[in-house]
Amino acid sequence: MRNFKAIALSAAFAAVASASDVEVLTKDTFPDFVKGNDLVLAEFYAPWCGHCKALAPEYEEAATTLKEKNIKLAKVDCTEEADLCQSYGVEGYPTLKVFRGPDNVNAYSGARKAPAIVSYMTKQSLPAVSLLTKDTIEDFKIQDKVVLVGYFAADDKTSNTTYTEVAEKLRDSYLFGASNDAELAKAEGVEFPSLVLYKSFDEGKSIFTETFSGEAIEKFAKTASIPLIGEVGPDTYAGYMATGIPLAYIFAETAEERDSFSAELKDVAEKHRGAISFATIDAKAFGAHAGNLNLKADVFPAFAIQDTVNNKKFPYDQEAKITAETIGKFVDDFVAGKVEPSVKSEPIPETQEGPVQIIVAKNYDDIVLDNTKDVLVEFYAPWCGHCKALAPKYDILAGLYVDAGLDSKVTIAKVDATLNDVPDEIQGFPTIKLFKAGDKTNPITYSGSRSIEDLIKFVKENGKYAAEVSYEEPSEDEAQKPIVESMAEQAQAATEAAKDAAEEATESVKSAASEATEAADAEIHDEL
């Protein structure tokens, strides 16, 4: 009976596996698959990866939805296909990439939820700007939560060009359509050239009223696409950061509380629309983020404003009550520049030990913004496995510049971004940036492999001084030597420890025996 059940379960699992709409690819099938399909989203994963396991059901759901649009989703097991994964620069799991053939490859930058994957890949499948007619415009308006439609004459080359350039730049984030039909524009209450953003929330649409320029359109798209009071979460956080305007967080533990605060602060948010984004955040699920805003992570409800450009934090007094009046005054004072930012920092190290300079918030400007030096900074988290793996290589890298006498031109530094406020918005760990001497306003983010040779090349090619040091990877025998020596040392230490333990045990036994003999003698003596 048990065998029958096992066979039935195996058959059921096999049926589920075969019903998957995610294509499993290998080094032999991958090239033909990406050549044979116009658009493919590929996941490079490892079976043991927790993030990959969390993504799996979302990825399956998205694959089923996108199948109707002939958009393919595939996955590659990097523990089985290491060479294939390495050829596409995969360094962490899961890594998602969009393929338009084997040579046109771009990183997937959307969220890892089924609706977000569907939305992102749908945008990828359409032209940057879809030409709309009276028969297609209504369906287009509801293709996504946010869509933009430009209304301008067919012979208006300036508006066409400007709008298309913005659409090409922001196509990963929004759907763009255009109509040359004056009657459709009139029906929307606008004239040529105009732009309308349609959305599935708030008032349903926003009309662009400024001069038809690329910069103004881009700013409009980023701000009008944000709800008056939305919700911060994994799917929306990047969008709020991209607006370039401050974000006001409303932390609350229940959905009822969040709805109540949204209603309470609606007028405050309306007053500052376009200047400050307001959003609630689930304090039970994401309460730890309060610590990143210099709030106590266990006292809710709470309120704070983050300057998303300079990454400065302005926490509201957690002992004070959150009302429209109190928050309204706090926000007014913030806008007027009357609120001082809160700065979280470790103490400045009394001495800098080792070749890697330790940065904290209080000495950040002194080290990073030193205009006489190229400064390579690693933003890390103590719990980050990739950061721990990088640490010994990063120490070697820093030592090379010191030994070569180039530390007067190049500084290799690191900062614990979980314990120190830094001006840079860090999306993941480790993040490595080069702050070039003479140009500290445009740091260059490193995206290559984390090898010592590639980091040296990065500093040389992007730094002011083109400083170069030499380094040779140790041979396999040399690389193994420290490991062997370490194992020998550990074995020797274990032997000595065992010897010491044995001697201690022997002495203990002797002592116990002696005490027992003395006790027996005493007993005998008493009896006598």
Protein backbone atom coordinates (compact mmCIF):
# COMPACT_ATOMS: atom_id res chain seq x y z
CA MET A 1 0.00 0.00 0.00
CA ARG A 2 2.86 2.35 0.89
CA ASN A 3 4.55 1.65 -2.43
CA PHE A 4 1.32 2.45 -4.26
CA LYS A 5 1.04 5.78 -2.41
CA ALA A 6 4.66 6.63 -3.15
CA ILE A 7 4.15 5.89 -6.85
CA ALA A 8 0.98 8.01 -6.89
CA LEU A 9 2.75 10.92 -5.19
CA SER A 10 5.68 10.68 -7.58
CA ALA A 11 3.28 10.72 -10.52
CA ALA A 12 1.50 13.75 -9.07
CA PHE A 13 4.76 15.65 -8.57
CA ALA A 14 5.88 14.72 -12.07
CA ALA A 15 2.59 16.01 -13.46
CA VAL A 16 3.02 19.30 -11.61
CA ALA A 17 6.61 19.62 -12.84
CA SER A 18 5.65 18.88 -16.42
CA ALA A 19 2.83 21.44 -16.20
CA SER A 20 5.28 24.22 -15.34
CA ASP A 21 5.35 27.14 -17.75
CA VAL A 22 8.95 27.92 -16.75
CA GLU A 23 11.43 26.39 -19.17
CA VAL A 24 14.38 24.59 -17.55
CA LEU A 25 17.52 25.31 -19.58
CA THR A 26 21.04 23.90 -19.73
CA LYS A 27 24.21 24.96 -21.56
CA ASP A 28 23.06 22.79 -24.49
CA THR A 29 19.51 24.20 -24.75
CA PHE A 30 20.04 27.80 -23.64
CA PRO A 31 21.49 29.26 -26.90
CA ASP A 32 18.74 27.90 -29.16
CA PHE A 33 16.02 28.94 -26.70
CA VAL A 34 17.07 32.60 -26.53
CA LYS A 35 17.65 32.67 -30.30
CA GLY A 36 14.24 31.17 -31.00
CA ASN A 37 12.23 33.57 -28.81
CA ASP A 38 11.99 37.32 -29.21
CA LEU A 39 11.86 38.01 -25.47
CA VAL A 40 13.01 35.81 -22.58
CA LEU A 41 13.35 36.41 -18.86
CA ALA A 42 15.92 34.00 -17.42
CA GLU A 43 16.46 33.25 -13.74
CA PHE A 44 19.90 32.02 -12.69
CA TYR A 45 19.44 30.27 -9.35
CA ALA A 46 20.74 27.75 -6.83
CA PRO A 47 18.41 25.14 -5.28
CA TRP A 48 19.61 25.91 -1.75
CA CYS A 49 19.05 29.68 -2.07
CA GLY A 50 16.27 30.95 0.21
CA HIS A 51 15.49 33.97 -2.00
CA CYS A 52 15.20 31.62 -4.99
CA LYS A 53 12.73 29.43 -3.11
CA ALA A 54 10.65 32.49 -2.22
CA LEU A 55 10.68 33.63 -5.85
CA ALA A 56 9.70 30.23 -7.30
CA PRO A 57 5.87 30.41 -6.93
CA GLU A 58 5.82 34.06 -8.06
CA TYR A 59 7.94 33.17 -11.09
CA GLU A 60 5.65 30.26 -11.98
CA GLU A 61 2.56 32.46 -11.72
CA ALA A 62 4.13 35.14 -13.89
CA ALA A 63 5.19 32.55 -16.48
CA THR A 64 1.62 31.29 -16.79
CA THR A 65 0.23 34.80 -17.20
CA LEU A 66 2.87 35.87 -19.71
CA LYS A 67 2.48 32.71 -21.77
CA GLU A 68 -0.63 34.27 -23.30
CA LYS A 69 1.52 37.18 -24.51
CA ASN A 70 4.18 34.83 -25.89
CA ILE A 71 6.76 36.05 -23.38
CA LYS A 72 8.92 33.18 -22.16
CA LEU A 73 10.30 32.65 -18.66
CA ALA A 74 13.19 30.25 -18.10
CA LYS A 75 15.54 29.20 -15.33
CA VAL A 76 19.07 27.83 -15.06
CA ASP A 77 20.41 25.83 -12.11
CA CYS A 78 23.86 27.36 -11.53
CA THR A 79 25.00 24.44 -9.37
CA GLU A 80 24.65 22.29 -12.49
CA GLU A 81 25.52 24.88 -15.15
CA ALA A 82 28.33 26.85 -13.52
CA ASP A 83 30.07 27.75 -16.80
CA LEU A 84 26.87 29.07 -18.38
CA CYS A 85 26.10 31.21 -15.33
CA GLN A 86 29.64 32.53 -15.16
CA SER A 87 29.53 33.51 -18.84
CA TYR A 88 26.68 35.93 -17.99
CA GLY A 89 28.42 37.38 -14.94
CA VAL A 90 26.18 35.74 -12.33
CA GLU A 91 27.58 36.37 -8.85
CA GLY A 92 24.55 36.01 -6.60
CA TYR A 93 21.20 34.24 -6.53
CA PRO A 94 18.71 34.72 -7.91
CA THR A 95 19.96 36.80 -10.84
CA LEU A 96 17.33 37.75 -13.43
CA LYS A 97 18.23 38.87 -16.96
CA VAL A 98 16.17 39.93 -19.98
CA PHE A 99 17.27 38.43 -23.30
CA ARG A 100 16.47 39.65 -26.77
CA GLY A 101 18.68 37.07 -28.42
CA PRO A 102 21.96 35.77 -26.93
CA ASP A 103 23.86 39.06 -27.30
CA ASN A 104 21.23 41.61 -26.24
CA VAL A 105 21.12 41.10 -22.49
CA ASN A 106 19.95 43.48 -19.76
CA ALA A 107 19.51 43.12 -16.02
CA TYR A 108 15.95 42.76 -14.76
CA SER A 109 15.30 45.70 -12.42
CA GLY A 110 11.73 45.02 -11.32
CA ALA A 111 10.38 43.53 -8.09
CA ARG A 112 10.25 39.79 -7.49
CA LYS A 113 6.50 39.41 -7.31
CA ALA A 114 4.28 37.94 -10.03
CA PRO A 115 2.36 41.17 -10.82
CA ALA A 116 5.60 43.17 -10.98
CA ILE A 117 7.25 40.59 -13.26
CA VAL A 118 4.21 40.58 -15.56
CA SER A 119 4.11 44.39 -15.65
CA TYR A 120 7.84 44.72 -16.31
CA MET A 121 7.98 42.11 -19.07
CA THR A 122 4.83 43.48 -20.71
CA LYS A 123 6.58 46.84 -21.00
CA GLN A 124 9.60 45.11 -22.49
CA SER A 125 7.45 43.45 -25.14
CA LEU A 126 5.94 46.69 -26.41
CA PRO A 127 7.60 49.48 -28.37
CA ALA A 128 8.83 52.42 -26.29
CA VAL A 129 5.79 54.37 -27.51
CA SER A 130 2.61 52.65 -28.72
CA LEU A 131 0.62 54.56 -31.36
CA LEU A 132 -3.00 54.69 -30.20
CA THR A 133 -6.31 55.14 -31.97
CA LYS A 134 -9.88 55.56 -30.76
CA ASP A 135 -10.22 51.76 -30.98
CA THR A 136 -7.18 50.94 -28.84
CA ILE A 137 -6.79 53.80 -26.37
CA GLU A 138 -9.31 52.63 -23.76
CA ASP A 139 -7.71 49.18 -23.48
CA PHE A 140 -4.26 50.77 -23.30
CA LYS A 141 -5.26 52.97 -20.36
CA ILE A 142 -5.82 49.90 -18.17
CA GLN A 143 -2.81 47.85 -19.30
CA ASP A 144 -0.94 48.77 -16.11
CA LYS A 145 -1.42 50.71 -12.86
CA VAL A 146 0.20 53.72 -14.49
CA VAL A 147 0.26 54.59 -18.22
CA LEU A 148 1.17 57.82 -19.98
CA VAL A 149 -0.40 59.07 -23.21
CA GLY A 150 0.97 61.99 -25.18
CA TYR A 151 -1.35 63.97 -27.42
CA PHE A 152 0.39 65.91 -30.21
CA ALA A 153 0.18 66.45 -33.96
CA ALA A 154 1.88 63.98 -36.27
CA ASP A 155 4.00 66.74 -37.80
CA ASP A 156 5.11 68.10 -34.40
CA LYS A 157 8.61 66.63 -34.61
CA THR A 158 9.89 68.40 -31.49
CA SER A 159 7.19 66.96 -29.20
CA ASN A 160 7.47 63.54 -30.84
CA THR A 161 11.24 63.44 -30.33
CA THR A 162 11.12 64.75 -26.75
CA TYR A 163 8.41 62.31 -25.73
CA THR A 164 10.10 59.33 -27.39
CA GLU A 165 13.41 60.07 -25.65
CA VAL A 166 11.70 60.09 -22.25
CA ALA A 167 9.82 56.89 -23.11
CA GLU A 168 13.06 55.12 -24.10
CA LYS A 169 14.65 56.17 -20.82
CA LEU A 170 11.73 55.19 -18.58
CA ARG A 171 10.30 52.23 -20.50
CA ASP A 172 11.18 49.81 -17.67
CA SER A 173 8.94 51.76 -15.32
CA TYR A 174 5.94 52.96 -17.34
CA LEU A 175 3.87 52.25 -20.43
CA PHE A 176 3.93 55.10 -22.97
CA GLY A 177 1.35 55.70 -25.68
CA ALA A 178 0.74 58.53 -28.13
CA SER A 179 -2.18 59.77 -30.19
CA ASN A 180 -2.34 62.23 -33.10
CA ASP A 181 -6.14 62.38 -32.93
CA ALA A 182 -7.27 65.89 -31.92
CA GLU A 183 -10.75 64.58 -31.06
CA LEU A 184 -9.30 62.15 -28.50
CA ALA A 185 -7.34 65.00 -26.95
CA LYS A 186 -10.45 67.15 -26.80
CA ALA A 187 -12.35 64.32 -25.11
CA GLU A 188 -9.68 64.34 -22.37
CA GLY A 189 -9.97 68.11 -22.01
CA VAL A 190 -6.49 68.85 -23.37
CA GLU A 191 -4.97 70.40 -26.48
CA PHE A 192 -1.86 69.58 -28.56
CA PRO A 193 0.79 69.08 -27.24
CA SER A 194 -0.33 67.57 -23.93
CA LEU A 195 0.37 64.62 -21.69
CA VAL A 196 -2.02 62.68 -19.46
CA LEU A 197 -1.01 60.11 -16.87
CA TYR A 198 -3.72 57.50 -16.19
CA LYS A 199 -3.61 55.60 -12.92
CA SER A 200 -5.68 53.01 -11.11
CA PHE A 201 -5.71 54.97 -7.81
CA ASP A 202 -6.45 58.41 -6.34
CA GLU A 203 -8.25 60.65 -8.86
CA GLY A 204 -7.62 58.32 -11.81
CA LYS A 205 -5.50 60.66 -13.92
CA SER A 206 -3.13 63.63 -13.79
CA ILE A 207 -2.65 66.20 -16.55
CA PHE A 208 0.79 67.59 -17.34
CA THR A 209 0.64 71.40 -17.35
CA GLU A 210 4.26 72.52 -17.77
CA THR A 211 6.43 73.24 -20.80
CA PHE A 212 6.82 70.14 -22.98
CA SER A 213 10.45 69.34 -22.09
CA GLY A 214 12.13 66.03 -21.35
CA GLU A 215 13.18 66.97 -17.83
CA ALA A 216 9.73 68.25 -16.90
CA ILE A 217 7.99 65.17 -18.37
CA GLU A 218 10.31 62.83 -16.48
CA LYS A 219 9.70 64.62 -13.19
CA PHE A 220 5.94 64.60 -13.82
CA ALA A 221 5.93 60.86 -14.53
CA LYS A 222 7.85 60.04 -11.35
CA THR A 223 5.77 62.23 -9.04
CA ALA A 224 2.27 61.85 -10.52
CA SER A 225 2.63 58.06 -10.57
CA ILE A 226 2.97 57.96 -6.78
CA PRO A 227 -0.29 57.74 -4.78
CA LEU A 228 -1.17 60.70 -2.57
CA ILE A 229 -0.61 58.38 0.41
CA GLY A 230 0.64 55.03 -0.82
CA GLU A 231 2.33 52.14 0.96
CA VAL A 232 6.02 51.37 1.18
CA GLY A 233 6.94 47.76 0.52
CA PRO A 234 9.34 45.61 -1.52
CA ASP A 235 7.43 46.40 -4.73
CA THR A 236 7.22 50.17 -4.24
CA TYR A 237 10.36 51.21 -2.35
CA ALA A 238 12.54 51.68 -5.45
CA GLY A 239 9.82 53.82 -7.06
CA TYR A 240 9.73 56.17 -4.09
CA MET A 241 13.52 56.46 -4.12
CA ALA A 242 13.49 57.23 -7.85
CA THR A 243 11.21 60.27 -7.48
CA GLY A 244 14.04 62.35 -6.08
CA ILE A 245 11.75 63.99 -3.54
CA PRO A 246 11.58 63.38 0.25
CA LEU A 247 9.51 60.47 1.53
CA ALA A 248 7.37 60.72 4.68
CA TYR A 249 6.87 57.34 6.38
CA ILE A 250 3.85 56.55 8.53
CA PHE A 251 4.61 53.42 10.59
CA ALA A 252 1.59 51.54 11.97
CA GLU A 253 1.07 47.92 12.99
CA THR A 254 -2.43 47.24 11.63
CA ALA A 255 -4.17 47.92 8.35
CA GLU A 256 -6.91 49.75 10.27
CA GLU A 257 -4.34 52.10 11.84
CA ARG A 258 -2.70 52.75 8.47
CA ASP A 259 -6.06 53.58 6.90
CA SER A 260 -6.90 55.86 9.82
CA PHE A 261 -3.62 57.77 9.57
CA SER A 262 -4.02 58.05 5.79
CA ALA A 263 -7.38 59.73 6.28
CA GLU A 264 -6.02 61.92 9.11
CA LEU A 265 -3.03 63.16 7.10
CA LYS A 266 -4.67 63.42 3.68
CA ASP A 267 -4.84 67.22 3.73
CA VAL A 268 -1.19 67.47 4.83
CA ALA A 269 -0.14 65.19 1.96
CA GLU A 270 -2.29 67.18 -0.50
CA LYS A 271 -0.69 70.45 0.62
CA HIS A 272 2.78 69.10 -0.15
CA ARG A 273 1.93 66.98 -3.20
CA GLY A 274 4.82 66.93 -5.64
CA ALA A 275 7.25 68.15 -2.97
CA ILE A 276 7.00 65.28 -0.46
CA SER A 277 5.67 61.73 -0.95
CA PHE A 278 3.60 60.27 1.89
CA ALA A 279 3.30 56.54 2.49
CA THR A 280 2.26 54.14 5.21
CA ILE A 281 4.44 51.17 6.12
CA ASP A 282 3.54 47.93 7.89
CA ALA A 283 5.36 48.21 11.22
CA LYS A 284 4.90 44.51 11.98
CA ALA A 285 6.46 43.34 8.72
CA PHE A 286 8.99 46.14 8.18
CA GLY A 287 9.41 47.69 11.61
CA ALA A 288 13.16 47.11 11.46
CA HIS A 289 13.34 49.79 8.76
CA ALA A 290 12.45 52.33 11.45
CA GLY A 291 15.99 51.87 12.74
CA ASN A 292 17.32 52.97 9.35
CA LEU A 293 15.42 56.23 9.85
CA ASN A 294 16.88 56.69 13.35
CA LEU A 295 13.60 55.80 15.01
CA LYS A 296 13.22 53.24 17.81
CA ALA A 297 12.25 50.03 16.05
CA ASP A 298 9.79 48.94 18.75
CA VAL A 299 7.72 52.07 19.39
CA PHE A 300 4.75 52.51 17.04
CA PRO A 301 2.99 54.36 15.52
CA ALA A 302 5.87 56.51 14.30
CA PHE A 303 6.61 59.13 11.66
CA ALA A 304 9.80 60.16 9.85
CA ILE A 305 10.89 61.97 6.70
CA GLN A 306 13.77 60.79 4.55
CA ASP A 307 15.64 63.04 2.14
CA THR A 308 15.94 60.43 -0.63
CA VAL A 309 18.63 62.36 -2.52
CA ASN A 310 21.06 63.02 0.34
CA ASN A 311 19.80 60.11 2.48
CA LYS A 312 19.26 62.32 5.52
CA LYS A 313 16.75 61.26 8.18
CA PHE A 314 14.29 63.44 10.10
CA PRO A 315 12.51 61.34 12.76
CA TYR A 316 9.46 62.76 14.51
CA ASP A 317 9.34 62.53 18.31
CA GLN A 318 7.96 59.06 19.07
CA GLU A 319 6.58 60.22 22.39
CA ALA A 320 4.40 62.83 20.67
CA LYS A 321 0.97 62.13 19.23
CA ILE A 322 0.49 61.82 15.47
CA THR A 323 -2.27 64.18 14.36
CA ALA A 324 -2.93 66.33 11.31
CA GLU A 325 -1.98 69.39 13.35
CA THR A 326 1.28 68.09 14.85
CA ILE A 327 2.50 66.38 11.68
CA GLY A 328 1.39 69.36 9.59
CA LYS A 329 3.62 71.66 11.66
CA PHE A 330 6.53 69.19 11.56
CA VAL A 331 6.31 68.92 7.76
CA ASP A 332 6.00 72.70 7.36
CA ASP A 333 9.11 73.15 9.50
CA PHE A 334 10.93 70.51 7.45
CA VAL A 335 10.09 72.28 4.19
CA ALA A 336 11.24 75.59 5.73
CA GLY A 337 14.58 74.02 6.70
CA LYS A 338 13.91 74.34 10.41
CA VAL A 339 14.31 70.62 11.25
CA GLU A 340 17.84 69.34 11.83
CA PRO A 341 18.64 65.89 10.43
CA SER A 342 19.41 63.04 12.81
CA VAL A 343 22.84 61.47 12.28
CA LYS A 344 23.65 57.91 13.34
CA SER A 345 27.34 57.19 13.64
CA GLU A 346 29.82 54.87 15.27
CA PRO A 347 32.65 56.63 17.15
CA ILE A 348 35.54 57.82 14.98
CA PRO A 349 38.32 55.20 15.32
CA GLU A 350 41.11 56.45 17.59
CA THR A 351 43.62 54.90 15.19
CA GLN A 352 43.22 53.46 11.70
CA GLU A 353 44.50 49.91 11.98
CA GLY A 354 45.30 48.05 8.81
CA PRO A 355 45.45 49.28 5.20
CA VAL A 356 41.66 49.69 4.80
CA GLN A 357 40.45 53.04 6.14
CA ILE A 358 37.43 52.73 8.43
CA ILE A 359 34.70 55.26 7.69
CA VAL A 360 31.91 56.27 10.08
CA ALA A 361 29.31 58.96 9.55
CA LYS A 362 31.29 61.51 11.57
CA ASN A 363 34.42 61.22 9.42
CA TYR A 364 32.71 60.39 6.11
CA ASP A 365 33.29 63.82 4.55
CA ASP A 366 36.91 63.98 5.75
CA ILE A 367 37.81 60.69 4.03
CA VAL A 368 35.43 60.28 1.10
CA LEU A 369 35.29 63.92 -0.01
CA ASP A 370 39.05 64.46 0.18
CA ASN A 371 39.52 66.03 -3.26
CA THR A 372 43.20 65.11 -3.39
CA LYS A 373 42.51 61.36 -3.47
CA ASP A 374 40.65 58.74 -5.45
CA VAL A 375 38.61 56.95 -2.76
CA LEU A 376 37.21 53.46 -3.26
CA VAL A 377 34.47 52.80 -0.70
CA GLU A 378 32.82 49.52 0.20
CA PHE A 379 29.41 49.92 1.83
CA TYR A 380 28.87 46.70 3.76
CA ALA A 381 26.72 44.98 6.35
CA PRO A 382 28.26 42.77 9.08
CA TRP A 383 25.80 39.94 8.38
CA CYS A 384 26.37 39.96 4.60
CA GLY A 385 28.00 36.74 3.35
CA HIS A 386 29.33 38.38 0.16
CA CYS A 387 30.92 41.13 2.29
CA LYS A 388 32.65 38.53 4.48
CA ALA A 389 33.97 36.77 1.37
CA LEU A 390 35.29 40.06 0.00
CA ALA A 391 37.00 41.17 3.24
CA PRO A 392 40.37 39.36 2.89
CA LYS A 393 40.67 40.37 -0.78
CA TYR A 394 39.80 43.96 0.08
CA ASP A 395 42.55 43.99 2.74
CA ILE A 396 45.06 42.71 0.18
CA LEU A 397 43.90 45.34 -2.33
CA ALA A 398 44.41 48.18 0.18
CA GLY A 399 47.81 46.82 1.17
CA LEU A 400 49.00 46.88 -2.44
CA TYR A 401 48.51 50.67 -2.69
CA VAL A 402 50.17 51.24 0.67
CA ASP A 403 53.17 49.06 -0.23
CA ALA A 404 53.49 50.82 -3.60
CA GLY A 405 53.51 54.24 -1.90
CA LEU A 406 50.28 55.21 -3.67
CA ASP A 407 48.17 55.69 -0.55
CA SER A 408 48.70 59.46 -0.93
CA LYS A 409 46.68 59.24 -4.15
CA VAL A 410 44.34 56.30 -3.54
CA THR A 411 42.39 55.43 -0.40
CA ILE A 412 40.71 52.06 -0.01
CA ALA A 413 37.96 52.41 2.62
CA LYS A 414 34.85 50.75 3.97
CA VAL A 415 31.83 51.74 6.04
CA ASP A 416 29.26 49.69 7.93
CA ALA A 417 26.15 51.12 6.28
CA THR A 418 23.89 49.57 8.92
CA LEU A 419 25.43 51.58 11.78
CA ASN A 420 26.32 54.81 10.00
CA ASP A 421 24.27 57.31 8.04
CA VAL A 422 25.84 57.94 4.65
CA PRO A 423 24.67 60.31 1.89
CA ASP A 424 24.50 57.49 -0.63
CA GLU A 425 21.36 55.38 -1.09
CA ILE A 426 22.57 51.78 -0.83
CA GLN A 427 20.35 49.13 -2.43
CA GLY A 428 22.38 46.04 -1.57
CA PHE A 429 25.57 44.76 0.06
CA PRO A 430 28.34 45.03 -0.70
CA THR A 431 28.08 48.20 -2.81
CA ILE A 432 31.42 49.53 -4.04
CA LYS A 433 31.84 53.09 -5.33
CA LEU A 434 34.79 55.13 -6.55
CA PHE A 435 34.86 58.81 -5.60
CA LYS A 436 37.25 60.40 -8.07
CA ALA A 437 39.67 63.11 -6.95
CA GLY A 438 38.36 66.49 -8.08
CA ASP A 439 34.85 65.14 -8.82
CA LYS A 440 33.11 63.82 -5.73
CA THR A 441 29.57 64.54 -6.91
CA ASN A 442 29.41 61.69 -9.43
CA PRO A 443 30.73 58.49 -7.80
CA ILE A 444 31.06 55.49 -10.09
CA THR A 445 29.41 52.28 -8.89
CA TYR A 446 31.45 49.12 -9.45
CA SER A 447 29.56 46.27 -11.10
CA GLY A 448 32.30 43.82 -12.09
CA SER A 449 33.53 40.65 -10.44
CA ARG A 450 34.96 41.04 -6.96
CA SER A 451 38.47 39.90 -7.85
CA ILE A 452 41.52 41.88 -6.82
CA GLU A 453 42.67 42.23 -10.45
CA ASP A 454 39.33 43.65 -11.61
CA LEU A 455 39.17 46.10 -8.71
CA ILE A 456 42.70 47.31 -9.55
CA LYS A 457 41.64 47.78 -13.17
CA PHE A 458 38.52 49.69 -12.08
CA VAL A 459 40.54 52.14 -9.97
CA LYS A 460 43.08 52.65 -12.75
CA GLU A 461 40.48 53.24 -15.49
CA ASN A 462 38.18 55.51 -13.47
CA GLY A 463 40.44 57.32 -11.00
CA LYS A 464 42.03 60.71 -11.63
CA TYR A 465 45.57 59.39 -11.22
CA ALA A 466 45.18 56.14 -13.21
CA ALA A 467 47.09 54.59 -10.31
CA GLU A 468 48.13 51.01 -10.96
CA VAL A 469 49.52 48.28 -8.73
CA SER A 470 50.49 44.77 -9.70
CA TYR A 471 49.08 41.60 -8.28
CA GLU A 472 49.34 37.97 -9.28
CA GLU A 473 46.82 35.39 -8.25
CA PRO A 474 48.62 32.67 -6.28
CA SER A 475 48.98 29.32 -8.02
CA GLU A 476 46.70 26.52 -6.95
CA ASP A 477 49.51 24.99 -4.85
CA GLU A 478 50.28 28.35 -3.24
CA ALA A 479 46.63 29.03 -2.65
CA GLN A 480 46.26 25.66 -0.96
CA LYS A 481 49.42 26.14 1.14
CA PRO A 482 47.84 28.47 3.72
CA ILE A 483 44.89 26.11 3.98
CA VAL A 484 47.18 23.09 4.49
CA GLU A 485 49.29 25.03 7.00
CA SER A 486 46.16 26.16 8.78
CA MET A 487 44.87 22.59 8.91
CA ALA A 488 48.24 21.40 10.24
CA GLU A 489 48.22 24.13 12.87
CA GLN A 490 44.67 23.21 13.84
CA ALA A 491 45.62 19.53 14.03
CA GLN A 492 48.69 20.37 16.17
CA ALA A 493 46.56 22.56 18.40
CA ALA A 494 43.95 19.82 18.70
CA THR A 495 46.67 17.28 19.60
CA GLU A 496 48.12 19.57 22.25
CA ALA A 497 44.66 20.32 23.59
CA ALA A 498 43.89 16.60 23.78
CA LYS A 499 47.21 15.97 25.52
CA ASP A 500 46.51 18.72 28.03
CA ALA A 501 42.99 17.38 28.57
CA ALA A 502 44.36 13.87 29.13
CA GLU A 503 46.92 15.14 31.64
CA GLU A 504 44.22 17.14 33.42
CA ALA A 505 41.97 14.07 33.49
CA THR A 506 44.81 11.93 34.88
CA GLU A 507 45.55 14.48 37.57
CA SER A 508 41.85 14.71 38.34
CA VAL A 509 41.57 10.94 38.69
CA LYS A 510 44.66 10.86 40.91
CA SER A 511 43.26 13.67 43.04
CA ALA A 512 39.88 11.98 43.30
CA ALA A 513 41.52 8.67 44.23
CA SER A 514 43.65 10.38 46.86
CA GLU A 515 40.61 12.15 48.30
CA ALA A 516 38.66 8.87 48.36
CA THR A 517 41.52 7.11 50.17
CA GLU A 518 41.77 9.89 52.72
CA ALA A 519 37.98 9.80 53.22
CA ALA A 520 38.06 6.03 53.70
CA ASP A 521 40.89 6.35 56.17
CA ALA A 522 38.94 8.98 58.09
CA GLU A 523 35.85 6.77 58.18
CA ILE A 524 37.85 3.85 59.48
CA HIS A 525 39.50 6.06 62.02
CA ASP A 526 36.09 7.32 63.24
CA GLU A 527 34.74 3.81 63.55
CA LEU A 528 37.66 2.86 65.67
